[in-house]
């Protein structure tokens, strides 16, 4: 199975999600088995898949099975093809999720002439786990649905164009999309008017338009996903302009976090804004510790255009690695609107072997250097000493000149001590964004080894609330936890100890997606 590419470990303020956290689940276990000729309300034999010799309960259809589920119940879906929309008629509750999952060791597939494979409208506290949704018009839709978990599923072949040809969240908050595969949709996952969702550890491969689209949505985390799209772009983030079922919402895509993802193999283009790893707009977002390599349509582009990408400001892009991308590693619009396009800061990134759209030597193309401010980035023409360029293992080798070459993200604004730390710029940090199970960044002061976790951020006063007291001097550097004398350049913090996880990066996402 595919070994996911995790650019950094839990050290950089990333807390490995405990979901695999123990949800309190209790209640009865039911089965769905479409090999049956009728329902088995008693006597279902799970070994022979028959209505005799057992003590379990089974229903012949998904529709009848989910209708019987109450909070705390589990439905095990037996192997086979189900030509039914999965639409649970009721919710679980916060202490007793309803779980719908594939029977262990079997492939349960929702397929056929269906407009949607999964439909959740006004539903909460559901877990959908381990199913395959294949060759349907749209994989699924969560509308006004909160606190659900979609995990370990395989989504393939969504036939619709537009945003319906994928898994779409609409006005749906606090959901978790974990460890799924999304292959061959249109916009494979769409997050629209939806806040505080976690999209983590997924494989995204092939999308006729985009692999991930975040639109007029706030405080979402996209972490440790693998994106590869030879058909078009990978990710896009911007406001809503009233197309499809979206409202008109501008200046409404704030504080989203992309961290520890890999973006690779987007489609080639003669324009650096078309088929990017991230076509980037929105406001006050963070892009950090990601790796962009071998994208043919550009890696990351700060985009401004009417009407959905008019407001592009306040972003912090730091400690990413850009390697061997065509159409530039970093690019930015030349738009000159000072009220809508400003204060985007790019720091401690590592760029190597990136080219222009015509193959010319041009690692960056920043059209407006006032709106996009580059500071202490390593734009190098000689090898930074990666572990293995051939396999795209872009960790730093011992002795690399990029080790300890970074600078602090910001500075303290005065001397002090305690748990209230005023800094010049709080935009570099996350306090967990209000997502259940998420912790704030673990920070470290320059010249000190003690760390503290951010529990709250006050943007008005530029103050970080810390989990434990620290003592600092005026203008002392503040950054995420690091090893050595200073932070390193690029996505990886080099450390010889055992706490840094360094899995192998993917070399063939198509093969991985096929498994």
Protein backbone atom coordinates (compact mmCIF):
# COMPACT_ATOMS: atom_id res chain seq x y z
CA UNK A 1 0.00 0.00 0.00
CA UNK A 2 1.03 3.57 -0.58
CA UNK A 3 3.48 5.08 1.87
CA UNK A 4 2.26 8.62 2.35
CA UNK A 5 4.65 11.53 2.11
CA UNK A 6 4.76 13.36 5.45
CA UNK A 7 7.08 16.34 5.06
CA UNK A 8 7.36 16.81 8.81
CA UNK A 9 6.40 14.96 11.94
CA UNK A 10 4.47 16.08 14.98
CA UNK A 11 7.33 18.37 15.95
CA UNK A 12 6.24 21.43 13.97
CA UNK A 13 3.12 22.07 15.97
CA UNK A 14 1.37 19.18 14.30
CA UNK A 15 -0.44 16.97 16.71
CA UNK A 16 -1.15 13.58 15.26
CA UNK A 17 -4.90 13.27 15.40
CA UNK A 18 -6.12 10.82 17.93
CA UNK A 19 -8.87 9.44 15.83
CA UNK A 20 -8.19 7.08 15.62
CA UNK A 21 -9.25 8.55 18.86
CA UNK A 22 -11.51 6.37 20.84
CA UNK A 23 -15.04 7.44 20.11
CA UNK A 24 -17.50 6.09 22.63
CA UNK A 25 -19.59 3.78 20.49
CA UNK A 26 -22.19 1.41 21.87
CA UNK A 27 -25.34 -0.20 20.61
CA UNK A 28 -26.27 -3.02 18.29
CA UNK A 29 -24.47 -4.29 15.20
CA UNK A 30 -26.47 -4.82 12.01
CA UNK A 31 -25.50 -6.10 8.57
CA UNK A 32 -26.37 -5.22 4.99
CA UNK A 33 -26.05 -8.17 2.59
CA UNK A 34 -27.46 -7.96 -0.92
CA UNK A 35 -26.90 -11.67 -1.57
CA UNK A 36 -29.91 -12.40 0.61
CA UNK A 37 -33.37 -12.99 -0.84
CA UNK A 38 -34.96 -11.11 2.04
CA UNK A 39 -34.23 -9.58 5.42
CA UNK A 40 -32.95 -11.70 8.30
CA UNK A 41 -34.20 -10.01 11.44
CA UNK A 42 -32.92 -12.96 13.47
CA UNK A 43 -30.73 -15.89 12.62
CA UNK A 44 -28.29 -14.28 10.17
CA UNK A 45 -25.16 -16.39 9.81
CA UNK A 46 -22.17 -14.16 9.10
CA UNK A 47 -20.03 -17.07 7.92
CA UNK A 48 -22.40 -18.56 5.34
CA UNK A 49 -24.19 -15.26 4.62
CA UNK A 50 -27.51 -16.99 5.04
CA UNK A 51 -30.61 -16.62 7.19
CA UNK A 52 -30.07 -19.77 9.20
CA UNK A 53 -27.71 -20.98 11.85
CA UNK A 54 -26.72 -17.58 13.26
CA UNK A 55 -27.87 -14.95 15.69
CA UNK A 56 -27.20 -11.67 13.85
CA UNK A 57 -29.53 -9.28 12.04
CA UNK A 58 -29.16 -8.46 8.33
CA UNK A 59 -31.04 -6.47 5.71
CA UNK A 60 -30.97 -7.07 1.98
CA UNK A 61 -30.66 -3.39 1.05
CA UNK A 62 -28.66 -0.46 2.35
CA UNK A 63 -31.81 1.62 2.53
CA UNK A 64 -33.55 -0.76 4.91
CA UNK A 65 -30.40 -1.30 6.95
CA UNK A 66 -29.64 2.37 7.59
CA UNK A 67 -33.31 3.00 8.42
CA UNK A 68 -32.88 0.68 11.39
CA UNK A 69 -29.82 2.44 12.81
CA UNK A 70 -29.99 4.42 16.03
CA UNK A 71 -27.30 6.38 17.87
CA UNK A 72 -24.43 4.10 18.85
CA UNK A 73 -25.28 1.41 16.28
CA UNK A 74 -22.90 -0.05 13.71
CA UNK A 75 -23.81 -1.28 10.23
CA UNK A 76 -21.39 -3.72 8.59
CA UNK A 77 -21.84 -3.75 4.81
CA UNK A 78 -20.97 -7.10 3.27
CA UNK A 79 -19.01 -7.39 0.04
CA UNK A 80 -20.89 -6.75 -3.21
CA UNK A 81 -22.24 -4.00 -5.45
CA UNK A 82 -25.04 -1.84 -4.05
CA UNK A 83 -26.95 0.31 -6.53
CA UNK A 84 -28.42 2.51 -3.81
CA UNK A 85 -27.66 5.95 -2.50
CA UNK A 86 -26.34 5.80 1.07
CA UNK A 87 -28.61 8.30 2.84
CA UNK A 88 -28.94 7.69 6.60
CA UNK A 89 -32.30 9.02 7.83
CA UNK A 90 -31.06 10.05 11.27
CA UNK A 91 -28.01 11.29 13.14
CA UNK A 92 -25.98 9.82 15.95
CA UNK A 93 -24.94 11.94 18.90
CA UNK A 94 -21.66 13.22 20.29
CA UNK A 95 -21.17 10.25 22.61
CA UNK A 96 -22.65 7.61 20.32
CA UNK A 97 -21.81 7.92 16.64
CA UNK A 98 -23.63 5.84 14.05
CA UNK A 99 -21.01 3.85 12.14
CA UNK A 100 -21.47 2.50 8.62
CA UNK A 101 -18.48 0.49 7.48
CA UNK A 102 -17.38 -2.27 5.17
CA UNK A 103 -17.32 -5.73 6.66
CA UNK A 104 -13.68 -6.54 7.50
CA UNK A 105 -11.80 -8.02 4.56
CA UNK A 106 -14.60 -7.44 2.04
CA UNK A 107 -15.18 -4.80 -0.65
CA UNK A 108 -18.56 -3.13 -0.41
CA UNK A 109 -19.14 -0.93 -3.46
CA UNK A 110 -21.81 1.70 -4.06
CA UNK A 111 -22.15 1.97 -7.83
CA UNK A 112 -24.62 2.17 -10.69
CA UNK A 113 -26.85 4.86 -12.16
CA UNK A 114 -26.82 7.05 -9.05
CA UNK A 115 -26.76 10.84 -8.83
CA UNK A 116 -24.97 10.56 -5.47
CA UNK A 117 -23.20 7.74 -3.73
CA UNK A 118 -23.42 9.29 -0.24
CA UNK A 119 -26.01 11.88 0.79
CA UNK A 120 -25.96 13.54 4.21
CA UNK A 121 -28.42 16.40 4.66
CA UNK A 122 -28.80 17.80 8.14
CA UNK A 123 -26.95 14.81 9.60
CA UNK A 124 -24.36 14.72 12.37
CA UNK A 125 -22.20 12.22 14.26
CA UNK A 126 -21.95 9.64 11.50
CA UNK A 127 -18.88 7.61 10.56
CA UNK A 128 -18.65 6.24 7.02
CA UNK A 129 -15.71 3.89 6.87
CA UNK A 130 -14.04 1.65 4.31
CA UNK A 131 -16.57 1.71 1.47
CA UNK A 132 -15.91 2.01 -2.25
CA UNK A 133 -17.94 4.52 -4.25
CA UNK A 134 -17.38 3.94 -7.95
CA UNK A 135 -18.76 5.06 -11.31
CA UNK A 136 -21.56 7.29 -10.05
CA UNK A 137 -22.48 10.83 -11.09
CA UNK A 138 -21.23 12.38 -7.85
CA UNK A 139 -19.45 10.66 -4.98
CA UNK A 140 -21.28 12.43 -2.21
CA UNK A 141 -22.70 15.58 -0.69
CA UNK A 142 -22.71 16.78 2.89
CA UNK A 143 -25.19 19.63 3.24
CA UNK A 144 -25.81 21.35 6.58
CA UNK A 145 -24.12 18.34 8.15
CA UNK A 146 -21.64 18.66 11.00
CA UNK A 147 -19.31 16.49 13.08
CA UNK A 148 -19.16 13.57 10.67
CA UNK A 149 -16.17 11.38 9.81
CA UNK A 150 -15.54 10.09 6.27
CA UNK A 151 -12.56 7.75 6.48
CA UNK A 152 -10.76 4.90 4.74
CA UNK A 153 -13.04 5.01 1.69
CA UNK A 154 -12.11 4.74 -1.98
CA UNK A 155 -13.84 7.18 -4.35
CA UNK A 156 -13.33 6.44 -8.06
CA UNK A 157 -14.90 7.55 -11.34
CA UNK A 158 -17.34 10.38 -10.69
CA UNK A 159 -18.87 11.19 -14.08
CA UNK A 160 -20.37 14.66 -13.54
CA UNK A 161 -18.70 17.88 -14.51
CA UNK A 162 -18.59 20.87 -12.20
CA UNK A 163 -18.52 20.69 -8.43
CA UNK A 164 -21.08 17.88 -8.27
CA UNK A 165 -18.56 15.41 -9.67
CA UNK A 166 -16.85 14.70 -6.37
CA UNK A 167 -17.38 14.82 -2.62
CA UNK A 168 -18.88 18.19 -1.76
CA UNK A 169 -19.33 19.88 1.60
CA UNK A 170 -21.90 22.69 1.68
CA UNK A 171 -22.49 24.65 4.89
CA UNK A 172 -21.01 21.71 6.76
CA UNK A 173 -18.65 22.25 9.67
CA UNK A 174 -16.35 20.26 11.94
CA UNK A 175 -16.19 17.21 9.69
CA UNK A 176 -13.15 14.99 9.23
CA UNK A 177 -12.14 13.58 5.84
CA UNK A 178 -9.41 11.07 6.65
CA UNK A 179 -7.33 8.48 4.83
CA UNK A 180 -9.47 8.24 1.70
CA UNK A 181 -8.51 7.89 -1.96
CA UNK A 182 -10.13 10.24 -4.50
CA UNK A 183 -9.44 9.31 -8.11
CA UNK A 184 -10.93 10.50 -11.42
CA UNK A 185 -13.53 13.06 -10.49
CA UNK A 186 -14.05 16.62 -11.70
CA UNK A 187 -13.52 18.72 -8.58
CA UNK A 188 -12.67 15.75 -6.43
CA UNK A 189 -13.35 17.40 -3.06
CA UNK A 190 -15.12 20.75 -2.70
CA UNK A 191 -15.38 22.65 0.59
CA UNK A 192 -17.97 25.43 0.15
CA UNK A 193 -19.26 27.71 2.94
CA UNK A 194 -17.90 25.12 5.36
CA UNK A 195 -15.65 25.84 8.32
CA UNK A 196 -13.31 23.98 10.66
CA UNK A 197 -13.06 20.77 8.69
CA UNK A 198 -9.99 18.53 8.77
CA UNK A 199 -8.82 16.96 5.49
CA UNK A 200 -5.92 14.70 6.36
CA UNK A 201 -3.92 11.73 5.05
CA UNK A 202 -5.84 11.38 1.78
CA UNK A 203 -4.59 10.46 -1.70
CA UNK A 204 -5.90 12.71 -4.48
CA UNK A 205 -5.24 11.54 -8.04
CA UNK A 206 -6.65 12.76 -11.36
CA UNK A 207 -9.32 15.41 -11.52
CA UNK A 208 -10.70 16.94 -14.69
CA UNK A 209 -10.62 20.38 -13.05
CA UNK A 210 -9.14 20.29 -9.55
CA UNK A 211 -8.38 17.78 -6.84
CA UNK A 212 -9.37 20.06 -3.97
CA UNK A 213 -11.34 23.29 -4.05
CA UNK A 214 -11.82 25.44 -0.93
CA UNK A 215 -14.37 28.20 -1.54
CA UNK A 216 -15.66 30.85 0.86
CA UNK A 217 -14.75 28.60 3.76
CA UNK A 218 -12.70 29.34 6.88
CA UNK A 219 -10.47 27.69 9.49
CA UNK A 220 -10.01 24.43 7.60
CA UNK A 221 -6.88 22.28 7.85
CA UNK A 222 -5.47 20.37 4.88
CA UNK A 223 -2.67 18.16 6.21
CA UNK A 224 -0.46 15.29 5.02
CA UNK A 225 -2.38 14.72 1.79
CA UNK A 226 -0.81 13.62 -1.49
CA UNK A 227 -1.99 15.49 -4.61
CA UNK A 228 -1.14 14.46 -8.16
CA UNK A 229 -3.11 15.63 -11.19
CA UNK A 230 -1.76 15.08 -14.70
CA UNK A 231 -5.16 16.28 -16.02
CA UNK A 232 -5.24 19.80 -14.54
CA UNK A 233 -4.45 21.65 -11.29
CA UNK A 234 -4.17 20.23 -7.78
CA UNK A 235 -5.68 22.65 -5.24
CA UNK A 236 -7.43 26.00 -5.46
CA UNK A 237 -8.66 28.34 -2.77
CA UNK A 238 -10.74 31.46 -3.25
CA UNK A 239 -14.05 33.21 -2.54
CA UNK A 240 -17.49 32.42 -4.00
CA UNK A 241 -18.89 34.32 -6.98
CA UNK A 242 -22.35 32.79 -7.26
CA UNK A 243 -21.64 29.97 -9.71
CA UNK A 244 -23.44 26.62 -9.42
CA UNK A 245 -25.12 26.52 -5.97
CA UNK A 246 -22.60 28.88 -4.36
CA UNK A 247 -23.61 32.28 -3.01
CA UNK A 248 -21.75 35.50 -3.70
CA UNK A 249 -19.34 35.77 -0.78
CA UNK A 250 -16.21 37.85 -1.19
CA UNK A 251 -13.43 38.45 1.33
CA UNK A 252 -14.75 35.30 2.99
CA UNK A 253 -12.02 32.63 2.83
CA UNK A 254 -9.91 33.14 5.93
CA UNK A 255 -7.35 31.34 8.10
CA UNK A 256 -7.11 28.09 6.17
CA UNK A 257 -4.02 25.99 6.78
CA UNK A 258 -2.14 23.81 4.26
CA UNK A 259 0.64 21.89 5.95
CA UNK A 260 2.78 18.82 5.33
CA UNK A 261 1.21 17.97 1.95
CA UNK A 262 2.87 16.92 -1.30
CA UNK A 263 1.86 18.44 -4.63
CA UNK A 264 3.20 16.87 -7.79
CA UNK A 265 2.74 16.24 -11.52
CA UNK A 266 0.15 18.84 -12.48
CA UNK A 267 -0.56 19.37 -16.19
CA UNK A 268 1.81 21.45 -18.28
CA UNK A 269 0.85 24.96 -19.33
CA UNK A 270 2.31 27.97 -21.06
CA UNK A 271 0.82 30.22 -18.36
CA UNK A 272 1.96 30.12 -14.75
CA UNK A 273 -1.52 30.68 -13.30
CA UNK A 274 -3.42 27.78 -14.87
CA UNK A 275 -2.44 24.36 -13.56
CA UNK A 276 -0.74 25.02 -10.24
CA UNK A 277 -0.06 22.84 -7.24
CA UNK A 278 -2.02 25.50 -5.33
CA UNK A 279 -3.82 28.31 -7.15
CA UNK A 280 -3.82 30.51 -4.12
CA UNK A 281 -6.16 33.28 -3.07
CA UNK A 282 -8.21 33.91 0.07
CA UNK A 283 -7.10 35.75 3.17
CA UNK A 284 -4.80 35.22 6.17
CA UNK A 285 -3.93 31.63 5.31
CA UNK A 286 -0.85 29.59 6.13
CA UNK A 287 1.07 27.34 3.73
CA UNK A 288 3.94 25.58 5.49
CA UNK A 289 6.07 22.44 5.41
CA UNK A 290 4.69 21.31 2.05
CA UNK A 291 6.70 19.81 -0.81
CA UNK A 292 6.02 20.76 -4.43
CA UNK A 293 7.88 18.79 -7.08
CA UNK A 294 7.61 17.97 -10.79
CA UNK A 295 4.53 20.14 -11.33
CA UNK A 296 4.40 21.11 -15.00
CA UNK A 297 1.91 23.96 -14.53
CA UNK A 298 3.64 25.75 -11.67
CA UNK A 299 3.84 25.03 -7.95
CA UNK A 300 2.23 27.85 -5.96
CA UNK A 301 0.69 30.95 -7.51
CA UNK A 302 -0.78 33.95 -5.67
CA UNK A 303 -3.73 34.61 -7.95
CA UNK A 304 -5.91 37.69 -8.34
CA UNK A 305 -8.78 37.86 -10.80
CA UNK A 306 -12.46 38.78 -10.81
CA UNK A 307 -14.69 37.90 -9.30
CA UNK A 308 -13.83 35.02 -6.97
CA UNK A 309 -10.16 35.87 -6.35
CA UNK A 310 -10.32 39.61 -5.76
CA UNK A 311 -9.15 39.52 -2.14
CA UNK A 312 -5.74 37.96 -1.62
CA UNK A 313 -3.96 39.21 1.48
CA UNK A 314 -2.36 38.38 4.80
CA UNK A 315 -0.94 34.96 3.88
CA UNK A 316 2.15 33.42 5.42
CA UNK A 317 4.01 30.95 3.21
CA UNK A 318 7.04 29.49 4.92
CA UNK A 319 9.33 26.47 5.13
CA UNK A 320 8.17 24.77 1.94
CA UNK A 321 10.35 22.96 -0.60
CA UNK A 322 9.92 23.65 -4.34
CA UNK A 323 11.85 21.26 -6.57
CA UNK A 324 11.93 20.76 -10.33
CA UNK A 325 8.67 22.55 -11.10
CA UNK A 326 8.05 24.04 -14.53
CA UNK A 327 6.18 27.37 -14.80
CA UNK A 328 8.01 28.52 -11.64
CA UNK A 329 8.22 27.34 -8.08
CA UNK A 330 6.59 30.52 -6.80
CA UNK A 331 4.60 32.95 -8.90
CA UNK A 332 2.35 35.88 -8.09
CA UNK A 333 -0.08 38.15 -9.88
CA UNK A 334 1.00 41.62 -10.98
CA UNK A 335 -2.34 43.04 -9.79
CA UNK A 336 -1.81 46.41 -8.11
CA UNK A 337 -4.87 46.82 -5.88
CA UNK A 338 -3.42 47.85 -2.50
CA UNK A 339 -6.73 47.38 -0.68
CA UNK A 340 -7.26 43.81 -1.85
CA UNK A 341 -3.83 42.36 -2.63
CA UNK A 342 -1.22 42.99 0.05
CA UNK A 343 0.83 41.68 2.98
CA UNK A 344 1.59 38.20 1.69
CA UNK A 345 4.90 37.09 3.19
CA UNK A 346 7.12 34.30 1.95
CA UNK A 347 9.95 33.12 4.21
CA UNK A 348 12.43 30.26 4.73
CA UNK A 349 11.40 28.41 1.58
CA UNK A 350 13.83 26.29 -0.43
CA UNK A 351 13.72 26.47 -4.25
CA UNK A 352 15.93 24.37 -6.52
CA UNK A 353 15.79 23.35 -10.22
CA UNK A 354 12.54 25.20 -10.94
CA UNK A 355 12.12 26.61 -14.46
CA UNK A 356 9.91 29.06 -16.32
CA UNK A 357 7.04 27.93 -18.53
CA UNK A 358 9.31 27.81 -21.58
CA UNK A 359 12.12 26.02 -19.81
CA UNK A 360 14.06 29.18 -19.04
CA UNK A 361 15.96 29.59 -15.79
CA UNK A 362 13.36 31.37 -13.64
CA UNK A 363 12.51 29.83 -10.29
CA UNK A 364 10.13 32.64 -9.30
CA UNK A 365 7.90 35.13 -11.08
CA UNK A 366 6.56 37.65 -8.56
CA UNK A 367 4.52 40.20 -10.48
CA UNK A 368 3.90 42.53 -7.52
CA UNK A 369 6.78 42.52 -5.04
CA UNK A 370 4.93 44.90 -2.74
CA UNK A 371 1.97 42.57 -2.34
CA UNK A 372 4.12 39.41 -2.11
CA UNK A 373 7.18 40.02 0.05
CA UNK A 374 10.05 37.55 -0.22
CA UNK A 375 12.31 37.28 2.84
CA UNK A 376 15.20 34.90 3.48
CA UNK A 377 14.32 32.27 0.90
CA UNK A 378 16.98 29.94 -0.49
CA UNK A 379 16.71 30.19 -4.26
CA UNK A 380 19.71 28.05 -5.13
CA UNK A 381 21.45 26.86 -8.29
CA UNK A 382 23.63 24.24 -6.62
CA UNK A 383 22.41 21.16 -4.81
CA UNK A 384 21.15 21.76 -1.28
CA UNK A 385 22.13 18.14 -0.50
CA UNK A 386 18.85 16.27 -0.49
CA UNK A 387 18.81 12.67 0.67
CA UNK A 388 17.86 11.34 -2.78
CA UNK A 389 16.73 13.55 -5.65
CA UNK A 390 16.03 10.56 -7.90
CA UNK A 391 13.37 9.18 -5.58
CA UNK A 392 12.30 12.71 -4.55
CA UNK A 393 13.29 12.20 -0.95
CA UNK A 394 13.87 15.89 -0.28
CA UNK A 395 14.96 15.67 3.34
CA UNK A 396 18.25 17.39 3.99
CA UNK A 397 21.44 15.39 4.32
CA UNK A 398 23.79 15.87 7.21
CA UNK A 399 26.08 18.75 6.35
CA UNK A 400 23.61 20.53 4.06
CA UNK A 401 24.08 24.30 3.92
CA UNK A 402 20.30 24.63 4.42
CA UNK A 403 20.52 23.35 7.98
CA UNK A 404 20.21 26.18 10.54
CA UNK A 405 19.96 28.70 7.66
CA UNK A 406 16.42 29.86 8.46
CA UNK A 407 15.38 32.95 10.39
CA UNK A 408 12.71 33.40 13.08
CA UNK A 409 9.16 33.82 11.86
CA UNK A 410 8.63 36.90 14.01
CA UNK A 411 9.97 38.67 17.11
CA UNK A 412 8.65 39.56 20.53
CA UNK A 413 7.53 43.18 20.71
CA UNK A 414 8.82 43.75 24.25
CA UNK A 415 10.57 41.92 27.07
CA UNK A 416 8.41 39.88 29.39
CA UNK A 417 7.48 36.57 30.96
CA UNK A 418 4.38 34.50 31.54
CA UNK A 419 1.76 33.05 29.24
CA UNK A 420 0.80 36.23 27.34
CA UNK A 421 3.39 36.98 24.66
CA UNK A 422 3.05 39.99 22.38
CA UNK A 423 4.76 39.53 19.00
CA UNK A 424 5.12 41.56 15.84
CA UNK A 425 3.15 39.14 13.65
CA UNK A 426 0.74 36.45 14.84
CA UNK A 427 -0.18 35.47 11.28
CA UNK A 428 2.44 32.73 11.13
CA UNK A 429 0.81 30.65 13.85
CA UNK A 430 -2.18 28.42 14.50
CA UNK A 431 -4.00 27.85 17.77
CA UNK A 432 -5.81 24.76 16.44
CA UNK A 433 -8.46 26.86 14.64
CA UNK A 434 -11.20 25.62 16.95
CA UNK A 435 -11.16 22.11 15.48
CA UNK A 436 -11.83 19.31 17.94
CA UNK A 437 -8.70 17.28 18.63
CA UNK A 438 -6.34 19.94 17.24
CA UNK A 439 -3.69 21.64 19.36
CA UNK A 440 -1.97 24.92 18.66
CA UNK A 441 1.58 25.27 17.42
CA UNK A 442 4.52 24.34 19.58
CA UNK A 443 6.84 27.35 19.60
CA UNK A 444 10.41 27.99 20.67
CA UNK A 445 12.32 31.20 21.30
CA UNK A 446 15.69 31.82 19.68
CA UNK A 447 18.54 30.71 21.90
CA UNK A 448 16.29 28.66 24.19
CA UNK A 449 15.32 25.00 24.28
CA UNK A 450 12.12 25.38 26.30
CA UNK A 451 8.90 25.22 24.30
CA UNK A 452 5.25 26.14 24.85
CA UNK A 453 2.08 25.47 22.94
CA UNK A 454 -0.17 28.23 21.62
CA UNK A 455 -3.65 27.89 23.09
CA UNK A 456 -5.16 31.11 21.71
CA UNK A 457 -4.27 33.95 19.34
CA UNK A 458 -5.54 37.51 19.68
CA UNK A 459 -5.08 39.11 16.28
CA UNK A 460 -6.19 42.55 17.49
CA UNK A 461 -3.52 42.80 20.20
CA UNK A 462 -1.02 40.51 18.41
CA UNK A 463 -0.78 38.32 21.49
CA UNK A 464 -0.13 34.59 21.83
CA UNK A 465 -1.57 32.76 24.83
CA UNK A 466 0.77 29.96 25.86
CA UNK A 467 0.24 26.65 27.63
CA UNK A 468 3.08 27.33 30.06
CA UNK A 469 5.10 30.40 31.00
CA UNK A 470 8.22 31.48 29.13
CA UNK A 471 10.62 34.36 29.65
CA UNK A 472 11.78 36.48 26.73
CA UNK A 473 13.77 39.56 25.86
CA UNK A 474 12.76 42.43 23.59
CA UNK A 475 12.99 41.50 19.88
CA UNK A 476 13.74 37.85 20.59
CA UNK A 477 13.00 35.51 17.71
CA UNK A 478 9.90 33.28 17.78
CA UNK A 479 9.44 30.21 15.58
CA UNK A 480 8.03 26.69 15.58
CA UNK A 481 10.04 24.13 17.50
CA UNK A 482 13.38 23.53 15.78
CA UNK A 483 16.62 21.62 16.16
CA UNK A 484 20.08 23.17 16.16
CA UNK A 485 20.92 26.86 16.38
CA UNK A 486 18.21 28.14 13.99
CA UNK A 487 15.37 26.74 11.91
CA UNK A 488 16.29 25.00 8.65
CA UNK A 489 15.27 26.03 5.15
CA UNK A 490 12.52 24.12 3.36
CA UNK A 491 9.92 21.61 4.45
CA UNK A 492 12.05 19.45 6.72
CA UNK A 493 13.76 20.22 9.98
CA UNK A 494 16.92 18.12 10.12
CA UNK A 495 17.48 16.16 13.27
CA UNK A 496 19.58 13.10 14.00
CA UNK A 497 17.39 11.91 16.85
CA UNK A 498 14.55 9.46 16.63
CA UNK A 499 11.61 11.86 16.94
CA UNK A 500 11.52 12.97 13.30
CA UNK A 501 9.57 10.65 11.02
CA UNK A 502 11.10 10.38 7.55
CA UNK A 503 8.93 8.09 5.42
CA UNK A 504 9.77 7.56 1.77
CA UNK A 505 7.98 9.87 -0.65
CA UNK A 506 5.71 8.39 -3.32
CA UNK A 507 7.31 7.76 -6.68
CA UNK A 508 4.23 6.51 -8.52
CA UNK A 509 0.94 7.96 -7.34
CA UNK A 510 -0.97 6.30 -10.17
CA UNK A 511 0.09 2.88 -8.95
CA UNK A 512 -0.69 3.90 -5.38
CA UNK A 513 -4.17 5.05 -6.34
CA UNK A 514 -4.82 1.76 -8.13
CA UNK A 515 -4.28 -0.27 -4.97
